[in-house]
Amino acid sequence: MAGAPFLHLHNHSEYSLLDGAFRISDLVAGAKKMGMSAVALTDHGNLFGAIPFYNEAVAAGIKPIIGIETYLARGGHREKKAVKGQARNDHLVLLVKNDRGYRNLLKLSSMAYLDGFYYKPRIDIDLLAEYSEGLIGLSGCLQGSVPRLLREGRWEDAVKLTSRIASIFEPGDFYIEIQNHGIPEEIELIPALARLAGELGLKLVATNDCHFYEKEDHEAHDILLCLQTGKDLDDPGRGLKSNSETWFKPPEAMAELFAGYPEALASTLEIADKCDFVLADSGSQIPRFPIPGQFPCADDYLAHLVRERLPSVVGEVTAEIGERVEYELDVIRKMKFSEYFLIVWDIVNA
C-alpha cells in the first residue's frame, strides 16, 4: 500500500441513521483512491448496510470487513431501566473474521433488537461471550466501557473489565483502540490505554471515528445531528455537535497523529489480514412451487393466472389497465418473486 501502513476500521455510513453522513459508495471509492486494500463498515447497532457495502467493495477490488459498533448494556441486555446521571450503554466495535463470525454477528444484531432494545439495540457481555467465535473486538471510542472506566480513574476496574472482554475472544483478537480527534480527554487517555494494553499483553489499534468523507462535509454532518436531536444549529444548548476531525483521513494524516504509536497503525493491516469472510451467493430462498407442465416457468404461470382472472376483478380490461398489469408482472419477474406470489395465492385459495 502506498504511503503509511494504515486501513480505516471504524466507519459510519448513512445506515447509522441520522448520525453517519458517509455514503457507502464514497467509503469504498475513498479507500481505493487512498490505496487501501481493505476497509471496514461499523455502523451503530445494525448491519443494514452490510450487503450493499460488501458488494460495492468486492466490485472495486477492496476487501470488505463487515462490522458493527454495538451498544453494550451496563447490566443485562434485557434490563430496561434508566439510572439517573448515567448512560444506558457503552460502545464496542466487532469485526467479522469468517463465516462463523458473520453468523454470530447476525445473531447478536438480531437479539439486540428483539430482546435488548431500550432506546438503542443492545447486547451484554454474557451474550457476547456466547456468540464471539469468529469475531474481532476493538475497545471503542470515548464512549466505550474501558475508556469510560479509565476516565473515571478506576484503573483496577478497567483492568478487570478489559481482561474479561479480552478472554471472550480468541487470543490476540481483542485490541485496545486509540483515537485522536483533537478532543483533550481523548488525547490524555492514549497513554493510559497504551499502559493498559502493555500490562495485559494486548495490542493497540489506531482508528478514526469516521462519519463523513471529506473534511468540508462537517457542516452537513452537523445539520444531520440537529435533525437527530431536534435542535437548531444556533441553539447554544444543543449537546450533540459534529466533530470536524471525524472524516476519512488519508493514511499519512493518521501516521502523523499517531507517530508515537506505529504499532497501532500496523495493527490495522494485521486485523485486515485476519478477516477472510466471503459472502456466499445463496440464490433464492423461496421454496419451489409446482408448476403445471404446460408452463415453462413460474413467471409464465403467474402471468397466465393474472390475465385469466383479471376481467373478474376489474371488469373491462382497458389498454391502461393492461399496460399497468404487464409493468407489474415485469417488476415481479425482475425481482424473482413469481414463486412467492404463487405461494401466497395458493395459501389464500386453500
Protein backbone atom coordinates (compact mmCIF):
# COMPACT_ATOMS: atom_id res chain seq x y z
CA MET A 1 0.00 0.00 0.00
CA ALA A 2 1.27 3.43 -0.93
CA GLY A 3 2.02 5.77 1.93
CA ALA A 4 1.70 4.88 5.59
CA PRO A 5 0.59 1.37 6.63
CA PHE A 6 -2.97 2.06 7.72
CA LEU A 7 -6.55 0.97 6.99
CA HIS A 8 -9.78 2.51 8.27
CA LEU A 9 -11.61 0.10 10.59
CA HIS A 10 -14.17 2.39 12.26
CA ASN A 11 -16.63 3.92 9.79
CA HIS A 12 -20.27 5.01 9.96
CA SER A 13 -22.31 5.17 6.76
CA GLU A 14 -25.76 6.55 6.04
CA TYR A 15 -27.07 3.39 7.71
CA SER A 16 -26.02 4.85 11.07
CA LEU A 17 -29.30 6.69 10.88
CA LEU A 18 -29.16 10.46 11.46
CA ASP A 19 -25.55 10.06 12.58
CA GLY A 20 -23.46 8.88 9.64
CA ALA A 21 -23.17 11.17 6.60
CA PHE A 22 -20.94 8.76 4.69
CA ARG A 23 -22.29 7.09 1.56
CA ILE A 24 -21.10 3.52 1.12
CA SER A 25 -20.04 4.34 -2.43
CA ASP A 26 -17.80 7.14 -1.10
CA LEU A 27 -16.40 4.90 1.62
CA VAL A 28 -15.30 2.28 -0.89
CA ALA A 29 -14.14 4.78 -3.51
CA GLY A 30 -12.18 6.68 -0.87
CA ALA A 31 -10.41 3.54 0.32
CA LYS A 32 -9.49 2.65 -3.25
CA LYS A 33 -8.27 6.16 -4.01
CA MET A 34 -6.02 6.08 -0.93
CA GLY A 35 -4.55 2.72 -1.94
CA MET A 36 -6.13 0.75 0.89
CA SER A 37 -6.53 -2.95 0.26
CA ALA A 38 -9.41 -3.26 2.75
CA VAL A 39 -11.90 -1.14 4.66
CA ALA A 40 -14.48 -1.80 7.38
CA LEU A 41 -18.07 -0.74 7.90
CA THR A 42 -19.10 -0.43 11.56
CA ASP A 43 -22.50 1.20 11.70
CA HIS A 44 -24.16 1.93 15.03
CA GLY A 45 -26.07 -1.10 16.28
CA ASN A 46 -27.06 -2.52 12.89
CA LEU A 47 -25.99 -4.43 9.79
CA PHE A 48 -28.40 -2.72 7.39
CA GLY A 49 -25.62 -1.68 5.04
CA ALA A 50 -23.56 -4.89 5.20
CA ILE A 51 -24.69 -6.44 1.90
CA PRO A 52 -24.54 -3.24 -0.21
CA PHE A 53 -21.14 -2.48 1.33
CA TYR A 54 -19.83 -5.98 0.66
CA ASN A 55 -20.95 -5.95 -2.98
CA GLU A 56 -19.62 -2.44 -3.61
CA ALA A 57 -16.22 -3.25 -2.10
CA VAL A 58 -15.81 -6.54 -3.95
CA ALA A 59 -16.70 -4.84 -7.24
CA ALA A 60 -13.99 -2.24 -6.54
CA GLY A 61 -11.36 -4.85 -5.68
CA ILE A 62 -11.32 -3.87 -1.98
CA LYS A 63 -11.59 -6.42 0.83
CA PRO A 64 -14.82 -5.66 2.74
CA ILE A 65 -14.64 -6.04 6.52
CA ILE A 66 -18.17 -6.27 7.87
CA GLY A 67 -18.61 -5.00 11.39
CA ILE A 68 -20.76 -3.14 13.84
CA GLU A 69 -20.32 -0.67 16.68
CA THR A 70 -22.60 -2.38 19.12
CA TYR A 71 -24.26 -0.95 22.19
CA LEU A 72 -23.14 -2.86 25.28
CA ALA A 73 -25.64 -2.69 28.13
CA ARG A 74 -24.11 -1.98 31.51
CA GLY A 75 -26.35 -4.57 33.10
CA GLY A 76 -28.19 -7.40 31.39
CA HIS A 77 -29.40 -6.55 27.90
CA ARG A 78 -32.96 -7.40 28.94
CA GLU A 79 -32.86 -4.90 31.82
CA LYS A 80 -34.78 -1.84 30.65
CA LYS A 81 -34.48 0.86 33.23
CA ALA A 82 -32.64 4.16 33.36
CA VAL A 83 -30.08 5.06 36.00
CA LYS A 84 -30.09 8.78 36.73
CA GLY A 85 -26.94 10.53 35.59
CA GLN A 86 -25.62 7.51 33.68
CA ALA A 87 -25.65 6.45 30.05
CA ARG A 88 -27.61 3.29 29.38
CA ASN A 89 -24.86 1.56 27.40
CA ASP A 90 -21.26 1.64 26.16
CA HIS A 91 -19.80 1.19 22.69
CA LEU A 92 -17.79 -1.78 21.41
CA VAL A 93 -16.61 -2.49 17.86
CA LEU A 94 -16.99 -6.00 16.45
CA LEU A 95 -15.47 -7.14 13.13
CA VAL A 96 -16.17 -10.31 11.16
CA LYS A 97 -13.27 -12.72 10.59
CA ASN A 98 -15.04 -15.61 8.88
CA ASP A 99 -18.37 -17.25 8.14
CA ARG A 100 -18.92 -18.24 11.78
CA GLY A 101 -18.26 -14.67 12.85
CA TYR A 102 -20.74 -13.34 10.30
CA ARG A 103 -23.44 -15.70 11.52
CA ASN A 104 -22.71 -14.76 15.12
CA LEU A 105 -22.82 -11.05 14.35
CA LEU A 106 -26.19 -11.53 12.64
CA LYS A 107 -27.39 -13.31 15.77
CA LEU A 108 -26.10 -10.58 18.10
CA SER A 109 -27.61 -7.82 16.00
CA SER A 110 -30.98 -9.55 15.86
CA MET A 111 -31.07 -10.26 19.60
CA ALA A 112 -30.04 -6.66 20.32
CA TYR A 113 -33.24 -5.51 18.62
CA LEU A 114 -35.57 -8.32 19.67
CA ASP A 115 -34.52 -8.74 23.31
CA GLY A 116 -32.28 -5.84 24.24
CA PHE A 117 -33.82 -2.79 22.63
CA TYR A 118 -34.09 0.10 25.06
CA TYR A 119 -33.68 3.37 23.16
CA LYS A 120 -30.87 1.53 21.32
CA PRO A 121 -30.38 -2.11 20.23
CA ARG A 122 -28.20 -3.59 23.00
CA ILE A 123 -26.32 -6.74 23.87
CA ASP A 124 -24.40 -7.57 27.07
CA ILE A 125 -21.10 -9.24 27.90
CA ASP A 126 -22.64 -12.64 28.59
CA LEU A 127 -24.43 -12.62 25.23
CA LEU A 128 -21.22 -11.58 23.50
CA ALA A 129 -19.36 -14.44 25.18
CA GLU A 130 -21.92 -16.88 23.78
CA TYR A 131 -21.58 -15.61 20.21
CA SER A 132 -18.00 -14.34 19.98
CA GLU A 133 -16.49 -17.05 17.78
CA GLY A 134 -15.15 -15.66 14.53
CA LEU A 135 -15.22 -12.05 15.72
CA ILE A 136 -12.54 -9.46 16.48
CA GLY A 137 -13.19 -6.86 19.16
CA LEU A 138 -11.97 -3.26 19.44
CA SER A 139 -12.41 -1.40 22.72
CA GLY A 140 -14.23 1.54 21.14
CA CYS A 141 -14.27 5.33 21.34
CA LEU A 142 -14.55 7.56 24.41
CA GLN A 143 -17.97 6.01 24.96
CA GLY A 144 -16.52 2.51 25.23
CA SER A 145 -16.58 0.65 28.53
CA VAL A 146 -12.81 0.59 29.02
CA PRO A 147 -12.18 4.26 28.16
CA ARG A 148 -15.04 5.26 30.43
CA LEU A 149 -13.55 3.49 33.45
CA LEU A 150 -10.13 5.00 32.79
CA ARG A 151 -11.62 8.48 32.52
CA GLU A 152 -13.31 7.90 35.88
CA GLY A 153 -9.94 6.99 37.42
CA ARG A 154 -11.00 3.40 38.04
CA TRP A 155 -7.81 1.65 36.93
CA GLU A 156 -8.38 -1.70 38.65
CA ASP A 157 -11.93 -1.89 37.32
CA ALA A 158 -10.64 -1.10 33.84
CA VAL A 159 -8.05 -3.87 34.10
CA LYS A 160 -10.65 -6.34 35.31
CA LEU A 161 -13.18 -5.47 32.62
CA THR A 162 -10.59 -5.46 29.84
CA SER A 163 -9.35 -8.89 30.93
CA ARG A 164 -12.93 -10.17 30.94
CA ILE A 165 -13.72 -8.85 27.47
CA ALA A 166 -10.38 -10.00 26.04
CA SER A 167 -10.99 -13.52 27.36
CA ILE A 168 -14.20 -13.70 25.33
CA PHE A 169 -12.33 -13.55 22.02
CA GLU A 170 -9.69 -15.84 20.57
CA PRO A 171 -6.19 -14.96 21.87
CA GLY A 172 -4.94 -11.87 20.07
CA ASP A 173 -8.35 -10.91 18.72
CA PHE A 174 -9.18 -8.10 21.14
CA TYR A 175 -7.44 -4.76 20.55
CA ILE A 176 -7.24 -1.58 22.60
CA GLU A 177 -8.46 1.21 20.34
CA ILE A 178 -6.84 4.65 20.39
CA GLN A 179 -8.28 7.72 18.66
CA ASN A 180 -7.28 11.36 18.27
CA HIS A 181 -9.90 13.83 17.03
CA GLY A 182 -8.37 16.75 18.89
CA ILE A 183 -10.53 16.11 21.95
CA PRO A 184 -8.47 16.80 25.11
CA GLU A 185 -9.94 13.85 27.03
CA GLU A 186 -9.13 11.57 24.14
CA ILE A 187 -5.52 12.70 23.85
CA GLU A 188 -5.00 12.44 27.61
CA LEU A 189 -6.38 8.90 27.54
CA ILE A 190 -3.95 7.47 24.97
CA PRO A 191 -1.02 6.87 27.39
CA ALA A 192 -3.35 5.13 29.86
CA LEU A 193 -4.76 2.92 27.09
CA ALA A 194 -1.22 2.10 25.96
CA ARG A 195 -0.22 1.21 29.51
CA LEU A 196 -3.31 -0.96 29.90
CA ALA A 197 -2.55 -2.79 26.67
CA GLY A 198 1.06 -3.34 27.75
CA GLU A 199 0.14 -4.73 31.17
CA LEU A 200 -2.39 -7.18 29.71
CA GLY A 201 -0.36 -8.20 26.66
CA LEU A 202 -2.84 -6.71 24.21
CA LYS A 203 -2.18 -4.75 21.05
CA LEU A 204 -3.14 -1.16 20.25
CA VAL A 205 -5.04 -0.24 17.09
CA ALA A 206 -5.43 3.29 15.77
CA THR A 207 -8.77 4.32 14.30
CA ASN A 208 -10.59 7.45 13.23
CA ASP A 209 -14.28 7.56 14.09
CA CYS A 210 -15.31 8.42 10.53
CA HIS A 211 -18.78 9.85 9.99
CA PHE A 212 -18.26 11.64 6.68
CA TYR A 213 -15.90 11.53 3.71
CA GLU A 214 -14.22 14.92 3.32
CA LYS A 215 -13.42 17.49 5.99
CA GLU A 216 -15.70 20.06 4.37
CA ASP A 217 -18.65 17.70 4.90
CA HIS A 218 -18.50 18.65 8.58
CA GLU A 219 -21.24 21.31 8.35
CA ALA A 220 -23.64 18.94 6.56
CA HIS A 221 -22.98 16.35 9.27
CA ASP A 222 -23.73 18.94 11.94
CA ILE A 223 -27.11 19.60 10.34
CA LEU A 224 -27.77 15.86 10.33
CA LEU A 225 -27.13 15.72 14.07
CA CYS A 226 -29.55 18.61 14.56
CA LEU A 227 -32.20 16.56 12.79
CA GLN A 228 -31.42 13.68 15.14
CA THR A 229 -31.77 15.76 18.30
CA GLY A 230 -34.48 18.15 17.11
CA LYS A 231 -32.27 21.19 17.77
CA ASP A 232 -31.42 24.29 15.73
CA LEU A 233 -27.86 24.93 14.58
CA ASP A 234 -27.72 28.19 16.54
CA ASP A 235 -29.13 26.66 19.73
CA PRO A 236 -26.41 27.23 22.39
CA GLY A 237 -27.88 24.44 24.48
CA ARG A 238 -27.65 21.65 21.93
CA GLY A 239 -25.37 18.97 23.32
CA LEU A 240 -24.57 16.80 20.30
CA LYS A 241 -22.29 18.54 17.80
CA SER A 242 -20.26 17.29 14.86
CA ASN A 243 -16.50 16.94 15.29
CA SER A 244 -14.70 18.28 12.21
CA GLU A 245 -11.99 15.62 12.58
CA THR A 246 -14.29 12.63 12.11
CA TRP A 247 -13.61 12.46 8.36
CA PHE A 248 -11.98 9.79 6.22
CA LYS A 249 -8.37 10.84 6.73
CA PRO A 250 -5.59 9.60 4.43
CA PRO A 251 -3.03 7.18 5.90
CA GLU A 252 -0.39 9.91 6.00
CA ALA A 253 -2.58 12.06 8.26
CA MET A 254 -3.21 9.12 10.58
CA ALA A 255 0.53 8.35 10.68
CA GLU A 256 1.20 11.93 11.77
CA LEU A 257 -1.44 11.76 14.50
CA PHE A 258 -0.04 8.50 15.89
CA ALA A 259 3.65 8.99 15.18
CA GLY A 260 4.46 7.70 18.66
CA TYR A 261 2.44 4.51 18.16
CA PRO A 262 3.47 2.96 14.82
CA GLU A 263 2.42 -0.45 16.08
CA ALA A 264 -1.16 0.81 16.42
CA LEU A 265 -1.16 1.76 12.73
CA ALA A 266 0.32 -1.61 11.75
CA SER A 267 -2.40 -3.40 13.71
CA THR A 268 -4.97 -2.21 11.17
CA LEU A 269 -3.26 -4.27 8.46
CA GLU A 270 -2.89 -7.23 10.83
CA ILE A 271 -6.62 -7.16 11.56
CA ALA A 272 -7.47 -6.92 7.86
CA ASP A 273 -5.30 -9.97 7.18
CA LYS A 274 -7.24 -11.93 9.82
CA CYS A 275 -10.57 -11.08 8.20
CA ASP A 276 -11.25 -13.55 5.43
CA PHE A 277 -15.02 -13.68 5.04
CA VAL A 278 -16.64 -14.46 1.70
CA LEU A 279 -20.37 -13.86 1.41
CA ALA A 280 -21.74 -16.82 -0.50
CA ASP A 281 -24.39 -16.20 -3.13
CA SER A 282 -27.13 -18.35 -1.68
CA GLY A 283 -29.54 -17.62 -4.51
CA SER A 284 -33.28 -17.52 -3.99
CA GLN A 285 -34.53 -18.76 -0.63
CA ILE A 286 -38.11 -19.07 -1.87
CA PRO A 287 -39.42 -22.68 -1.96
CA ARG A 288 -40.08 -24.24 -5.36
CA PHE A 289 -43.73 -24.01 -6.40
CA PRO A 290 -45.13 -26.90 -8.51
CA ILE A 291 -45.80 -25.51 -11.99
CA PRO A 292 -48.28 -27.24 -14.39
CA GLY A 293 -46.44 -28.94 -17.23
CA GLN A 294 -47.72 -26.66 -19.99
CA PHE A 295 -45.94 -23.66 -18.45
CA PRO A 296 -42.16 -23.46 -18.75
CA CYS A 297 -41.61 -21.43 -15.55
CA ALA A 298 -43.21 -19.67 -12.58
CA ASP A 299 -43.15 -16.33 -14.42
CA ASP A 300 -45.35 -17.67 -17.24
CA TYR A 301 -47.75 -19.45 -14.90
CA LEU A 302 -48.23 -16.32 -12.75
CA ALA A 303 -48.80 -14.20 -15.85
CA HIS A 304 -51.38 -16.73 -17.11
CA LEU A 305 -53.29 -16.66 -13.80
CA VAL A 306 -53.27 -12.85 -13.66
CA ARG A 307 -54.51 -12.41 -17.22
CA GLU A 308 -57.12 -15.14 -16.82
CA ARG A 309 -58.61 -13.69 -13.64
CA LEU A 310 -58.18 -10.00 -14.39
CA PRO A 311 -61.62 -9.45 -16.03
CA SER A 312 -63.41 -10.83 -12.99
CA VAL A 313 -61.61 -8.30 -10.80
CA VAL A 314 -61.68 -5.10 -12.87
CA GLY A 315 -64.40 -5.78 -15.39
CA GLU A 316 -63.29 -4.27 -18.68
CA VAL A 317 -59.57 -4.59 -19.23
CA THR A 318 -58.68 -1.24 -20.77
CA ALA A 319 -55.37 -0.53 -22.51
CA GLU A 320 -54.24 1.43 -19.46
CA ILE A 321 -55.03 -1.46 -17.08
CA GLY A 322 -53.37 -3.97 -19.38
CA GLU A 323 -50.23 -1.84 -19.60
CA ARG A 324 -50.12 -1.49 -15.81
CA VAL A 325 -50.52 -5.25 -15.31
CA GLU A 326 -47.67 -6.04 -17.70
CA TYR A 327 -45.47 -3.48 -15.98
CA GLU A 328 -46.10 -5.04 -12.55
CA LEU A 329 -45.56 -8.55 -13.87
CA ASP A 330 -42.24 -7.40 -15.32
CA VAL A 331 -41.19 -5.98 -11.94
CA ILE A 332 -42.07 -9.28 -10.25
CA ARG A 333 -40.07 -11.20 -12.85
CA LYS A 334 -37.01 -9.00 -12.41
CA MET A 335 -37.19 -9.36 -8.64
CA LYS A 336 -37.56 -13.16 -8.99
CA PHE A 337 -40.70 -13.06 -6.85
CA SER A 338 -43.08 -15.04 -9.09
CA GLU A 339 -42.93 -18.15 -6.92
CA TYR A 340 -43.52 -16.04 -3.81
CA PHE A 341 -46.73 -14.64 -5.32
CA LEU A 342 -47.83 -18.13 -6.39
CA ILE A 343 -47.25 -19.49 -2.88
CA VAL A 344 -49.29 -16.68 -1.32
CA TRP A 345 -52.04 -17.21 -3.95
CA ASP A 346 -52.09 -20.93 -3.12
CA ILE A 347 -52.38 -20.23 0.64
CA VAL A 348 -55.17 -17.71 0.17
CA ASN A 349 -57.12 -20.13 -2.01
CA ALA A 350 -56.54 -23.20 0.18
